[in-house]
Protein backbone atom coordinates (compact mmCIF):
# COMPACT_ATOMS: atom_id res chain seq x y z
CA MET A 1 42.15 24.59 29.22
CA ALA A 2 42.61 21.06 28.25
CA GLN A 3 38.84 20.96 26.92
CA GLY A 4 39.47 24.17 25.15
CA CYS A 5 42.88 22.86 23.36
CA LEU A 6 40.70 19.52 22.79
CA ARG A 7 38.34 21.94 20.97
CA LYS A 8 40.92 23.77 18.73
CA SER A 9 42.08 20.55 17.71
CA ARG A 10 38.99 19.02 16.38
CA LEU A 11 38.22 22.17 14.72
CA CYS A 12 41.65 22.21 12.81
CA ILE A 13 41.11 18.49 11.91
CA ARG A 14 37.92 19.28 10.38
CA ALA A 15 39.10 22.64 8.44
CA ASN A 16 42.02 20.73 7.32
CA ALA A 17 39.99 17.69 6.14
CA ILE A 18 37.26 20.34 4.37
CA ASP A 19 40.23 22.10 2.96
CA ALA A 20 41.63 19.02 1.44
CA VAL A 21 38.48 17.57 0.02
CA CYS A 22 37.73 21.06 -1.37
CA SER A 23 41.34 20.70 -2.92
CA ILE A 24 41.15 17.53 -4.41
CA VAL A 25 37.08 18.10 -6.08
CA GLY A 26 37.86 21.14 -7.21
CA CYS A 27 35.08 23.26 -5.31
CA HIS A 28 34.96 26.29 -2.72
CA LEU A 29 33.84 26.08 0.65
CA THR A 30 30.83 27.56 -0.34
CA ASP A 31 29.86 24.21 -2.13
CA ILE A 32 29.72 22.48 1.09
CA ASN A 33 26.53 22.90 2.61
CA GLY A 34 27.15 21.08 5.82
CA HIS A 35 29.49 19.26 7.40
CA SER A 36 30.69 17.19 10.55
CA TYR A 37 33.57 15.40 11.76
CA ASP A 38 33.26 12.44 14.22
CA GLU A 39 36.56 12.28 16.21
CA SER A 40 35.88 8.94 17.95
CA ASN A 41 34.87 6.93 14.55
CA ASN A 42 37.47 9.31 12.33
CA TYR A 43 35.13 10.15 9.77
CA LEU A 44 33.80 13.20 8.04
CA ASN A 45 29.92 13.95 7.31
CA LEU A 46 29.74 15.87 4.35
CA ARG A 47 26.56 17.64 2.10
CA ILE A 48 28.14 18.68 -1.28
CA ASN A 49 27.06 20.23 -4.05
CA GLU A 50 25.98 17.56 -6.77
CA LEU A 51 28.37 18.83 -9.02
CA PHE A 52 31.20 17.79 -7.25
CA LEU A 53 29.90 14.40 -5.58
CA LYS A 54 30.58 12.36 -8.79
CA LYS A 55 34.49 13.02 -8.21
CA LEU A 56 34.18 12.03 -4.64
CA LEU A 57 32.72 8.77 -6.02
CA SER A 58 35.86 8.30 -8.05
CA LEU A 59 38.82 9.13 -6.20
CA THR A 60 42.33 8.13 -7.51
CA HIS A 61 44.21 5.77 -5.31
CA GLU A 62 46.53 9.23 -4.30
CA GLU A 63 43.46 10.95 -3.64
CA LYS A 64 42.58 8.36 -1.27
CA ASN A 65 45.65 8.62 0.36
CA LYS A 66 46.06 12.11 0.72
CA LEU A 67 42.66 12.12 2.74
CA ARG A 68 43.46 9.24 4.57
CA LYS A 69 45.90 10.94 6.51
CA LEU A 70 42.91 13.27 8.01
CA PHE A 71 40.32 10.56 8.54
CA ASP A 72 39.07 6.86 7.65
CA TYR A 73 35.83 7.13 5.65
CA PHE A 74 33.61 9.79 4.99
CA ILE A 75 29.51 10.16 4.43
CA VAL A 76 27.81 11.44 1.73
CA ASP A 77 24.13 11.49 2.10
CA TYR A 78 23.09 8.04 2.09
CA ILE A 79 26.54 6.91 0.41
CA THR A 80 29.55 5.94 2.73
CA ILE A 81 33.08 5.65 0.97
CA TYR A 82 35.70 3.90 2.48
CA LEU A 83 39.22 5.50 2.36
CA GLU A 84 41.34 3.45 4.96
CA ARG A 85 42.05 -0.23 4.21
CA THR A 86 39.06 -2.13 6.41
CA LYS A 87 41.44 -5.26 6.45
CA GLU A 88 44.33 -6.18 8.00
CA ASN A 89 47.11 -8.29 6.54
CA LEU A 90 45.25 -7.66 2.86
CA ASN A 91 48.12 -9.18 1.47
CA ALA A 92 48.29 -12.42 3.25
CA SER A 93 44.79 -12.73 2.33
CA HIS A 94 45.12 -13.17 -1.30
CA HIS A 95 47.23 -16.30 -0.28
CA ASN A 96 45.16 -17.82 2.39
CA VAL A 97 42.87 -19.96 -0.06
CA THR A 98 43.01 -23.71 0.19
CA HIS A 99 42.47 -25.36 -2.90
CA ILE A 100 40.57 -28.79 -2.06
CA MET A 101 40.95 -30.76 -5.21
CA ASP A 102 43.88 -33.63 -4.14
CA GLU A 103 44.15 -37.30 -5.26
CA LYS A 104 42.05 -38.58 -3.00
CA THR A 105 38.83 -36.13 -3.94
CA ALA A 106 39.92 -36.77 -7.86
CA ASP A 107 39.21 -40.46 -7.20
CA ARG A 108 35.63 -39.87 -5.49
CA SER A 109 34.69 -37.43 -7.89
CA LYS A 110 34.68 -39.88 -10.83
CA GLN A 111 32.32 -41.74 -8.54
CA GLY A 112 30.13 -39.29 -8.52
CA TYR A 113 30.31 -37.94 -5.14
CA VAL A 114 32.98 -35.28 -3.65
CA ASN A 115 32.26 -34.33 0.09
CA LEU A 116 34.14 -31.10 0.86
CA SER A 117 33.30 -31.56 4.37
CA GLU A 118 36.26 -33.80 4.81
CA TYR A 119 38.65 -31.00 3.72
CA ASP A 120 39.25 -27.82 5.49
CA ASN A 121 38.92 -24.45 3.97
CA ILE A 122 40.56 -22.27 5.27
CA GLY A 123 41.19 -19.28 6.07
CA ALA A 124 38.48 -17.26 6.21
CA SER A 125 39.46 -13.49 5.29
CA PRO A 126 40.08 -10.90 7.66
CA SER A 127 36.75 -9.38 8.42
CA PRO A 128 35.97 -6.11 7.18
CA ARG A 129 34.88 -4.86 10.56
CA PRO A 130 34.98 -6.10 13.96
CA SER A 131 31.58 -7.45 13.80
CA ALA A 132 32.18 -9.68 11.12
CA ILE A 133 32.90 -13.63 11.26
CA SER A 134 36.85 -14.22 11.11
CA LYS A 135 36.84 -17.65 12.46
CA LEU A 136 37.97 -20.46 10.79
CA ILE A 137 35.13 -22.52 9.22
CA LYS A 138 34.24 -24.84 6.15
CA PRO A 139 32.23 -24.25 3.37
CA CYS A 140 28.85 -24.11 3.95
CA PHE A 141 27.73 -26.67 0.83
CA ALA A 142 29.67 -29.94 -0.50
CA LEU A 143 29.04 -31.44 -4.02
CA LYS A 144 26.24 -33.81 -4.16
CA GLY A 145 25.11 -36.07 -6.90
CA LYS A 146 27.07 -35.98 -10.66
CA PRO A 147 28.74 -33.11 -11.63
CA TYR A 148 27.29 -31.47 -14.77
CA GLN A 149 29.43 -30.48 -17.57
CA GLU A 150 29.18 -30.48 -21.38
CA ASP A 151 31.71 -32.03 -23.26
CA LEU A 152 33.64 -28.66 -24.46
CA ASP A 153 36.45 -30.45 -26.12
CA ASN A 154 33.92 -32.37 -28.49
CA SER A 155 32.21 -28.85 -29.04
CA ASN A 156 33.67 -28.50 -32.53
CA SER A 157 33.00 -31.69 -33.57
CA GLY A 158 29.50 -31.29 -34.52
CA VAL A 159 28.88 -34.37 -32.33
CA ALA A 160 26.99 -33.85 -29.21
CA SER A 161 28.30 -36.00 -26.47
CA SER A 162 26.55 -38.50 -25.09
CA GLN A 163 28.24 -38.42 -21.79
CA PRO A 164 28.79 -34.82 -20.27
CA LYS A 165 32.55 -34.51 -19.31
CA ILE A 166 32.77 -34.80 -15.47
CA ASN A 167 33.91 -32.11 -13.37
CA THR A 168 33.92 -31.35 -9.75
CA ALA A 169 32.85 -28.20 -8.11
CA ILE A 170 35.70 -26.79 -6.09
CA HIS A 171 35.73 -24.57 -2.77
CA THR A 172 38.07 -22.05 -3.21
CA LYS A 173 37.47 -19.52 -0.57
CA ARG A 174 34.91 -17.89 2.03
CA ILE A 175 34.39 -14.07 1.65
CA ASN A 176 33.40 -12.76 4.93
CA VAL A 177 31.02 -9.52 4.58
CA CYS A 178 29.61 -7.26 7.53
CA ILE A 179 25.86 -7.10 6.29
CA ASP A 180 22.92 -8.52 8.08
CA GLY A 181 23.16 -11.56 6.00
CA VAL A 182 23.57 -11.88 2.33
CA LYS A 183 20.46 -11.44 0.38
CA HIS A 184 21.34 -10.41 -2.92
CA ILE A 185 24.83 -10.30 -5.02
CA SER A 186 25.62 -8.81 -8.00
CA CYS A 187 29.06 -9.13 -9.99
CA LEU A 188 30.33 -8.93 -13.33
CA THR A 189 34.23 -9.46 -12.91
CA SER A 190 35.83 -11.37 -9.89
CA ASN A 191 37.43 -8.27 -8.20
CA LYS A 192 34.25 -6.63 -7.38
CA MET A 193 30.95 -7.24 -6.43
CA TRP A 194 27.77 -5.36 -4.91
CA VAL A 195 26.51 -7.26 -1.94
CA SER A 196 23.03 -6.25 0.18
CA ASP A 197 20.98 -7.16 3.26
CA PHE A 198 17.40 -5.30 3.85
CA ASN A 199 19.26 -2.19 4.62
CA SER A 200 22.24 -1.67 2.69
CA ILE A 201 24.57 -2.35 -0.48
CA GLU A 202 27.99 -2.63 0.00
CA GLU A 203 30.67 -2.63 -2.87
CA ILE A 204 33.53 -5.23 -2.05
CA ASP A 205 36.79 -7.09 -3.65
CA GLU A 206 37.27 -10.44 -3.82
CA THR A 207 38.62 -10.54 -0.28
CA GLY A 208 36.03 -8.86 1.24
CA GLU A 209 37.23 -5.18 1.11
CA VAL A 210 34.78 -3.05 1.51
CA PHE A 211 34.98 0.26 -0.51
CA MET A 212 31.38 2.07 -1.07
CA LYS A 213 28.05 1.71 1.25
CA LEU A 214 24.69 2.69 0.06
CA ASP A 215 22.32 2.90 3.18
CA VAL A 216 19.22 2.31 1.12
CA GLU A 217 16.35 -0.05 2.63
CA PHE A 218 14.53 -2.85 0.95
CA GLY A 219 11.28 -4.62 0.30
CA VAL A 220 12.44 -7.43 -1.26
CA TYR A 221 15.75 -9.05 -2.33
CA GLY A 222 16.89 -8.71 -6.08
CA ARG A 223 16.77 -4.95 -5.88
CA HIS A 224 20.08 -4.56 -7.45
CA THR A 225 22.17 -5.05 -10.59
CA VAL A 226 25.38 -4.56 -12.64
CA THR A 227 25.19 -3.54 -16.35
CA ARG A 228 27.65 -5.15 -19.08
CA GLU A 229 29.67 -1.79 -18.51
CA GLY A 230 29.52 -2.45 -14.79
CA ASN A 231 27.31 0.19 -13.68
CA LEU A 232 25.20 -0.45 -10.58
CA LEU A 233 21.46 0.04 -10.98
CA PHE A 234 19.51 -0.03 -7.48
CA LEU A 235 16.14 0.69 -6.08
CA ASN A 236 15.70 3.59 -4.11
CA ASN A 237 12.48 5.97 -3.04
CA TYR A 238 10.21 3.85 -5.37
CA SER A 239 12.46 4.46 -8.38
CA VAL A 240 15.70 3.19 -10.18
CA TYR A 241 19.03 5.01 -9.99
CA ILE A 242 22.28 4.24 -11.57
CA LEU A 243 25.88 4.74 -10.01
CA THR A 244 28.39 4.56 -12.95
CA SER A 245 31.65 3.28 -12.48
CA ASN A 246 33.20 6.68 -13.01
CA GLY A 247 30.98 8.24 -10.24
CA ASP A 248 27.85 9.58 -12.08
CA ILE A 249 24.67 8.81 -9.63
CA ARG A 250 20.88 9.79 -10.76
CA ASN A 251 17.67 8.83 -11.02
CA LEU A 252 16.61 6.99 -14.09
CA TYR A 253 13.09 7.57 -13.48
CA ILE A 254 11.78 4.35 -13.69
CA SER A 255 8.98 3.62 -11.14
CA ALA A 256 9.40 0.69 -8.83
CA SER A 257 7.19 -0.27 -5.92
CA GLU A 258 8.83 -1.74 -2.29
CA ASN A 259 8.24 -5.17 -3.79
CA SER A 260 9.96 -5.06 -6.91
CA CYS A 261 13.14 -6.62 -8.04
CA ILE A 262 15.70 -5.82 -10.86
CA TYR A 263 17.77 -6.99 -13.57
CA ALA A 264 19.92 -5.04 -16.57
CA SER A 265 20.29 -7.59 -19.92
CA ARG A 266 23.97 -8.64 -20.41
CA ILE A 267 22.77 -8.67 -24.04
CA ASN A 268 20.78 -4.99 -24.65
CA ASN A 269 21.17 -3.29 -21.47
CA ASP A 270 17.13 -3.52 -20.92
CA ILE A 271 16.21 -3.33 -18.00
CA PHE A 272 13.76 -5.63 -16.13
CA ILE A 273 11.57 -4.86 -13.32
CA GLY A 274 9.87 -7.34 -11.36
CA ALA A 275 6.62 -6.58 -8.92
CA PRO A 276 3.61 -8.61 -8.09
CA SER A 277 2.07 -10.28 -10.92
CA VAL A 278 4.06 -8.50 -13.63
CA VAL A 279 7.42 -8.08 -15.33
CA ASN A 280 7.92 -4.61 -17.17
CA ARG A 281 10.33 -4.23 -19.52
CA TYR A 282 12.52 -0.52 -20.06
CA SER A 283 15.17 0.40 -22.47
CA GLU A 284 18.53 2.00 -20.92
CA SER A 285 17.05 5.37 -21.54
CA SER A 286 13.88 4.55 -19.50
CA LYS A 287 11.44 4.15 -21.91
CA LYS A 288 8.82 1.18 -21.17
CA LEU A 289 8.99 -1.15 -23.78
CA HIS A 290 6.86 -4.31 -22.53
CA GLU A 291 4.54 -5.18 -20.16
CA ILE A 292 4.84 -9.18 -19.07
CA GLN A 293 2.06 -10.52 -17.55
CA GLY A 294 -0.76 -13.43 -17.77
CA GLU A 295 -3.22 -15.27 -15.89
CA ASN A 296 -1.51 -16.93 -12.63
CA LEU A 297 1.78 -16.20 -14.53
CA TYR A 298 3.61 -14.53 -11.60
CA GLY A 299 2.68 -14.25 -7.92
CA ARG A 300 5.34 -12.13 -6.44
CA PRO A 301 9.03 -12.27 -8.10
CA PHE A 302 11.81 -11.96 -5.69
CA TYR A 303 15.06 -12.51 -8.05
CA ILE A 304 14.77 -11.85 -11.54
CA THR A 305 17.76 -12.50 -14.19
CA GLU A 306 18.06 -13.30 -18.12
CA ASN A 307 20.16 -16.12 -19.84
CA THR A 308 21.56 -16.14 -23.16
CA ASN A 309 18.84 -17.05 -25.32
CA GLY A 310 17.07 -14.19 -24.33
CA ASP A 311 14.63 -15.99 -21.69
CA ILE A 312 13.74 -13.69 -18.72
CA ILE A 313 13.18 -15.80 -15.69
CA VAL A 314 11.82 -15.07 -12.54
CA SER A 315 12.10 -16.60 -8.95
CA ASP A 316 8.81 -16.63 -7.75
CA GLU A 317 8.38 -16.65 -3.88
CA GLN A 318 4.56 -16.84 -4.00
CA ARG A 319 4.26 -19.50 -6.40
CA LYS A 320 7.58 -21.19 -5.56
CA THR A 321 8.21 -21.82 -9.06
CA ILE A 322 10.89 -20.84 -11.48
CA VAL A 323 9.09 -19.11 -14.53
CA ALA A 324 10.77 -18.48 -17.86
CA VAL A 325 9.21 -16.62 -20.91
CA ASP A 326 10.88 -16.06 -24.09
CA ARG A 327 11.80 -12.39 -25.19
CA ILE A 328 8.50 -10.91 -26.18
CA GLY A 329 6.99 -12.65 -23.29
CA ARG A 330 5.70 -15.99 -24.42
CA HIS A 331 5.74 -18.62 -21.50
CA ARG A 332 8.24 -21.23 -21.88
CA PHE A 333 8.42 -23.35 -18.87
CA ASP A 334 7.82 -23.54 -15.15
CA TYR A 335 10.49 -25.31 -12.98
CA ARG A 336 8.97 -26.40 -9.51
CA GLY A 337 11.76 -28.34 -8.08
CA ASN A 338 13.10 -31.93 -8.96
CA HIS A 339 10.19 -34.33 -7.42
CA SER A 340 12.84 -36.89 -6.37
CA LEU A 341 13.90 -33.86 -3.73
CA PRO A 342 11.22 -33.33 -1.25
CA GLU A 343 10.70 -29.05 -1.12
CA PHE A 344 11.29 -26.46 -3.54
CA ASN A 345 11.75 -22.54 -2.15
CA PRO A 346 13.28 -21.04 -4.79
CA ARG A 347 15.34 -17.78 -3.72
CA GLY A 348 18.31 -16.49 -5.89
CA ILE A 349 18.87 -16.94 -9.44
CA CYS A 350 21.34 -16.64 -11.91
CA THR A 351 22.88 -18.02 -15.47
CA ASP A 352 25.76 -18.92 -17.00
CA VAL A 353 27.62 -18.12 -20.77
CA PHE A 354 26.82 -21.74 -21.51
CA GLY A 355 22.78 -21.12 -20.61
CA HIS A 356 22.84 -23.07 -17.61
CA ILE A 357 20.40 -21.75 -14.97
CA LEU A 358 21.29 -22.01 -11.16
CA VAL A 359 19.01 -21.34 -8.50
CA CYS A 360 18.87 -21.77 -4.60
CA ASN A 361 16.72 -23.87 -3.06
CA HIS A 362 16.09 -21.91 0.39
CA SER A 363 14.95 -25.37 1.94
CA TYR A 364 16.10 -27.10 5.20
CA HIS A 365 14.64 -30.55 3.31
CA ASP A 366 17.26 -29.94 0.26
CA PRO A 367 19.36 -26.79 0.95
CA SER A 368 21.01 -26.67 -2.34
CA VAL A 369 21.77 -25.28 -5.58
CA HIS A 370 20.03 -26.60 -8.37
CA LEU A 371 21.43 -26.68 -12.18
CA LEU A 372 19.11 -26.51 -14.85
CA ASP A 373 19.59 -26.59 -18.78
CA GLU A 374 18.03 -23.58 -20.69
CA ASN A 375 14.74 -25.21 -21.22
CA GLY A 376 14.50 -26.16 -17.36
CA GLN A 377 15.67 -29.46 -16.94
CA PHE A 378 17.06 -30.42 -13.96
CA LEU A 379 20.53 -31.48 -14.19
CA THR A 380 21.91 -32.06 -10.49
CA SER A 381 22.00 -30.60 -6.90
CA LEU A 382 25.34 -28.64 -7.86
CA LEU A 383 26.04 -28.04 -4.21
CA THR A 384 24.15 -29.44 -0.84
CA LYS A 385 24.45 -28.63 2.49
CA HIS A 386 26.02 -30.66 5.08
CA ARG A 387 26.23 -28.42 8.15
CA PHE A 388 22.72 -27.56 9.11
CA ASP A 389 23.62 -25.55 12.01
CA GLU A 390 24.83 -22.74 9.61
CA ASP A 391 22.43 -21.34 7.12
CA LEU A 392 20.58 -21.96 3.89
CA PRO A 393 21.38 -20.72 0.67
CA GLN A 394 20.23 -17.50 -0.46
CA ASP A 395 21.48 -16.30 -3.69
CA VAL A 396 23.84 -17.35 -6.07
CA CYS A 397 25.89 -15.00 -9.02
CA VAL A 398 28.44 -15.86 -11.51
CA ASP A 399 31.07 -14.16 -12.79
CA ASP A 400 33.57 -13.56 -16.03
CA LYS A 401 35.87 -16.25 -14.97
CA HIS A 402 32.95 -18.90 -14.05
CA ASN A 403 33.47 -18.43 -10.36
CA LEU A 404 30.14 -19.57 -8.22
CA TYR A 405 29.33 -17.20 -5.45
CA VAL A 406 26.59 -18.63 -3.20
CA GLY A 407 25.36 -16.31 -0.22
CA CYS A 408 23.63 -17.13 2.66
CA GLY A 409 21.28 -15.60 4.35
CA ILE A 410 22.27 -15.29 7.94
CA ILE A 411 25.82 -16.17 8.61
CA ASN A 412 27.10 -13.20 6.70
CA VAL A 413 29.63 -15.07 4.17
CA ILE A 414 29.76 -15.67 0.45
CA ASP A 415 31.34 -19.19 -0.59
CA VAL A 416 33.29 -18.99 -3.86
CA TYR A 417 33.18 -22.44 -5.71
CA LYS A 418 34.84 -23.26 -9.44
CA TYR A 419 32.48 -25.61 -10.75
CA ARG A 420 33.73 -25.29 -14.37
CA THR A 421 37.11 -25.19 -15.76
């Protein structure tokens, strides 16, 4: 009798959940091709007509609240959409940031060195799910060498500054993520980013709150990117897919191998696909525009980006080199590390609005983020590791407010720094 009542209760919950979904997206029960309800984890598994998938991917806050009364999240094909807030004490997390600059730090910054290990960061944000790291820990990296910043105060004087204005990098917060190591970060604004491991991409906010998850397997690292409109491009099933900010998802029919990486131009929305020995350029309408290759130009691109001057810059894992070509594919420079440092093993790469190039050195001998100018000249090791028991820098990203995000490959955290003001 008890089991029969329990089964009826489950059926009632599932029926109510399906009715609610149909009501919100405006579909009929016949448009839902399959569904199941997992009571232990409180989620709904759906197969729905593609016409209505877009609506599910762009639910309003009020619609999420309505569904949240019935289940915490739902899965459609390889996409997971979270309804329940995955963090406790979310309001507190916005105030749980320690700004590390103080008088002592400022005095030492004038000498060109700031050791952030002497200061507590602290407040790690609550984990998205129980398996994420939530203990209080210091930032993985500290500033080393002379911080670099152009003298912006004299930028309009027509006279180049002989001495760059010094400004320190400040560790502002740590974001805990629940993926198997941070292999790639794509961001445009400070309130939303996409992070990935080898098996999935997650959409998170600045607190680490998870909103959506794509279960997509990756062959190498830089396999997603964000367009200037905020749309996500990602590689899946040997093709390029787009997930727009209004929930539209479609195949762009640009072929890619399991060893490809991708970047969307912030200048004109062209799409760059890096593959062994070649970089291909496509228009946003999927038309192939250009094939960039040359004798020993590329080995195996892991990450790819574009600078403000139109240079296409590749982090080549096989050649252990940063390779830059101009917008029509002519070789500009190779960067193989600073010769005063023991080893260069490049990983994630990005640029900022001032044309600087930032690249992770995934090296036990020099775990750091190298800062280069637009011509590939080494400026400084912007961050260096002070705790060798943690992890090596894997990827970097800079948002529209000049926040620098540094992801580590194993410990599932992203450290956020202010390195320009």
